[in-house]
Protein backbone atom coordinates (compact mmCIF):
# COMPACT_ATOMS: atom_id res chain seq x y z
CA MET A 1 29.43 96.02 40.06
CA ILE A 2 30.63 93.08 41.63
CA SER A 3 32.94 92.09 38.48
CA GLU A 4 34.41 95.21 38.51
CA PHE A 5 35.27 94.78 41.61
CA GLU A 6 36.84 91.54 41.10
CA LEU A 7 37.60 93.01 37.34
CA LEU A 8 40.52 95.88 39.43
CA ALA A 9 41.31 93.28 42.06
CA ASN A 10 43.29 91.39 39.31
CA LYS A 11 44.47 93.54 37.16
CA VAL A 12 45.88 95.04 41.57
CA GLU A 13 46.96 91.06 41.54
CA SER A 14 48.43 91.43 38.14
CA LEU A 15 50.75 94.72 39.35
CA ALA A 16 52.10 93.18 42.49
CA GLU A 17 53.49 89.92 40.82
CA LEU A 18 54.60 92.28 37.83
CA VAL A 19 56.25 94.70 41.23
CA HIS A 20 57.65 91.32 42.73
CA ALA A 21 58.72 89.59 39.80
CA LEU A 22 61.07 93.08 38.60
CA ARG A 23 62.36 92.87 42.29
CA LEU A 24 64.07 89.73 41.96
CA GLU A 25 64.94 91.15 38.46
CA ASN A 26 66.95 93.99 39.85
CA VAL A 27 68.34 91.81 42.82
CA GLU A 28 69.59 89.81 39.61
CA LEU A 29 71.06 92.17 38.24
CA ARG A 30 72.46 94.21 40.53
CA ARG A 31 74.19 91.07 42.06
CA ALA A 32 75.37 90.55 37.61
CA ALA A 33 76.44 94.16 37.68
CA ALA A 34 78.79 93.45 40.59
CA MET A 35 80.20 90.10 39.35
CA LEU A 36 80.83 92.18 36.32
CA THR A 37 82.38 95.33 37.95
CA ALA A 38 84.53 92.94 40.47
CA GLU A 39 86.23 91.11 37.24
CA ASN A 40 86.57 94.16 35.72
CA LYS A 41 88.71 96.02 38.36
CA ASP A 42 90.58 92.44 38.63
CA LEU A 43 91.22 92.47 34.67
CA GLN A 44 92.20 95.90 34.89
CA LEU A 45 94.78 95.02 37.24
CA ARG A 46 96.33 92.36 35.01
CA MET A 47 96.81 94.38 32.46
CA ALA A 48 98.04 97.00 34.67
CA GLN A 49 100.40 94.14 36.01
CA ALA A 50 101.03 93.23 31.76
CA HIS A 51 101.90 96.47 30.94
CA GLU A 52 104.36 96.61 33.72
CA ARG A 53 106.34 93.22 32.41
CA VAL A 54 106.23 94.15 28.87
CA ALA A 55 107.78 97.62 29.68
CA ALA A 56 110.96 95.83 31.64
CA LEU A 57 111.29 93.18 28.73
CA LEU A 58 111.19 96.38 26.00
CA ALA A 59 113.57 98.25 28.20
CA GLN A 60 116.00 94.93 28.41
CA LEU A 61 115.93 95.54 24.56
CA PRO A 62 118.98 97.28 23.48
CA SER A 63 118.67 100.29 21.71
CA ASP A 64 118.84 101.20 18.01
CA GLU A 65 122.31 103.25 18.46
CA ASP A 66 123.56 99.94 20.42
CA ALA A 67 122.42 97.90 18.32
CA GLU A 68 124.73 100.17 15.13
CA GLU A 69 127.47 100.32 17.46
CA ASP A 70 127.59 96.68 17.93
CA LEU A 71 128.20 96.30 13.96
CA ALA A 72 130.76 98.63 12.85
């Protein structure tokens, strides 16, 4: 009977250790997810800024009609 209790106690202890390890891993995963979310937001902002700069440069280029008039 004692050995059954010891076996059960060992299983409960193992389960408690596993729960603790999983909680620590969960904290780290949440931290990593938050960092990746912030990085993603920063990259989206940089992409939007680059898009605006490219659009501004494209607007400064002469159109095909202007180029044809220059050739005539």
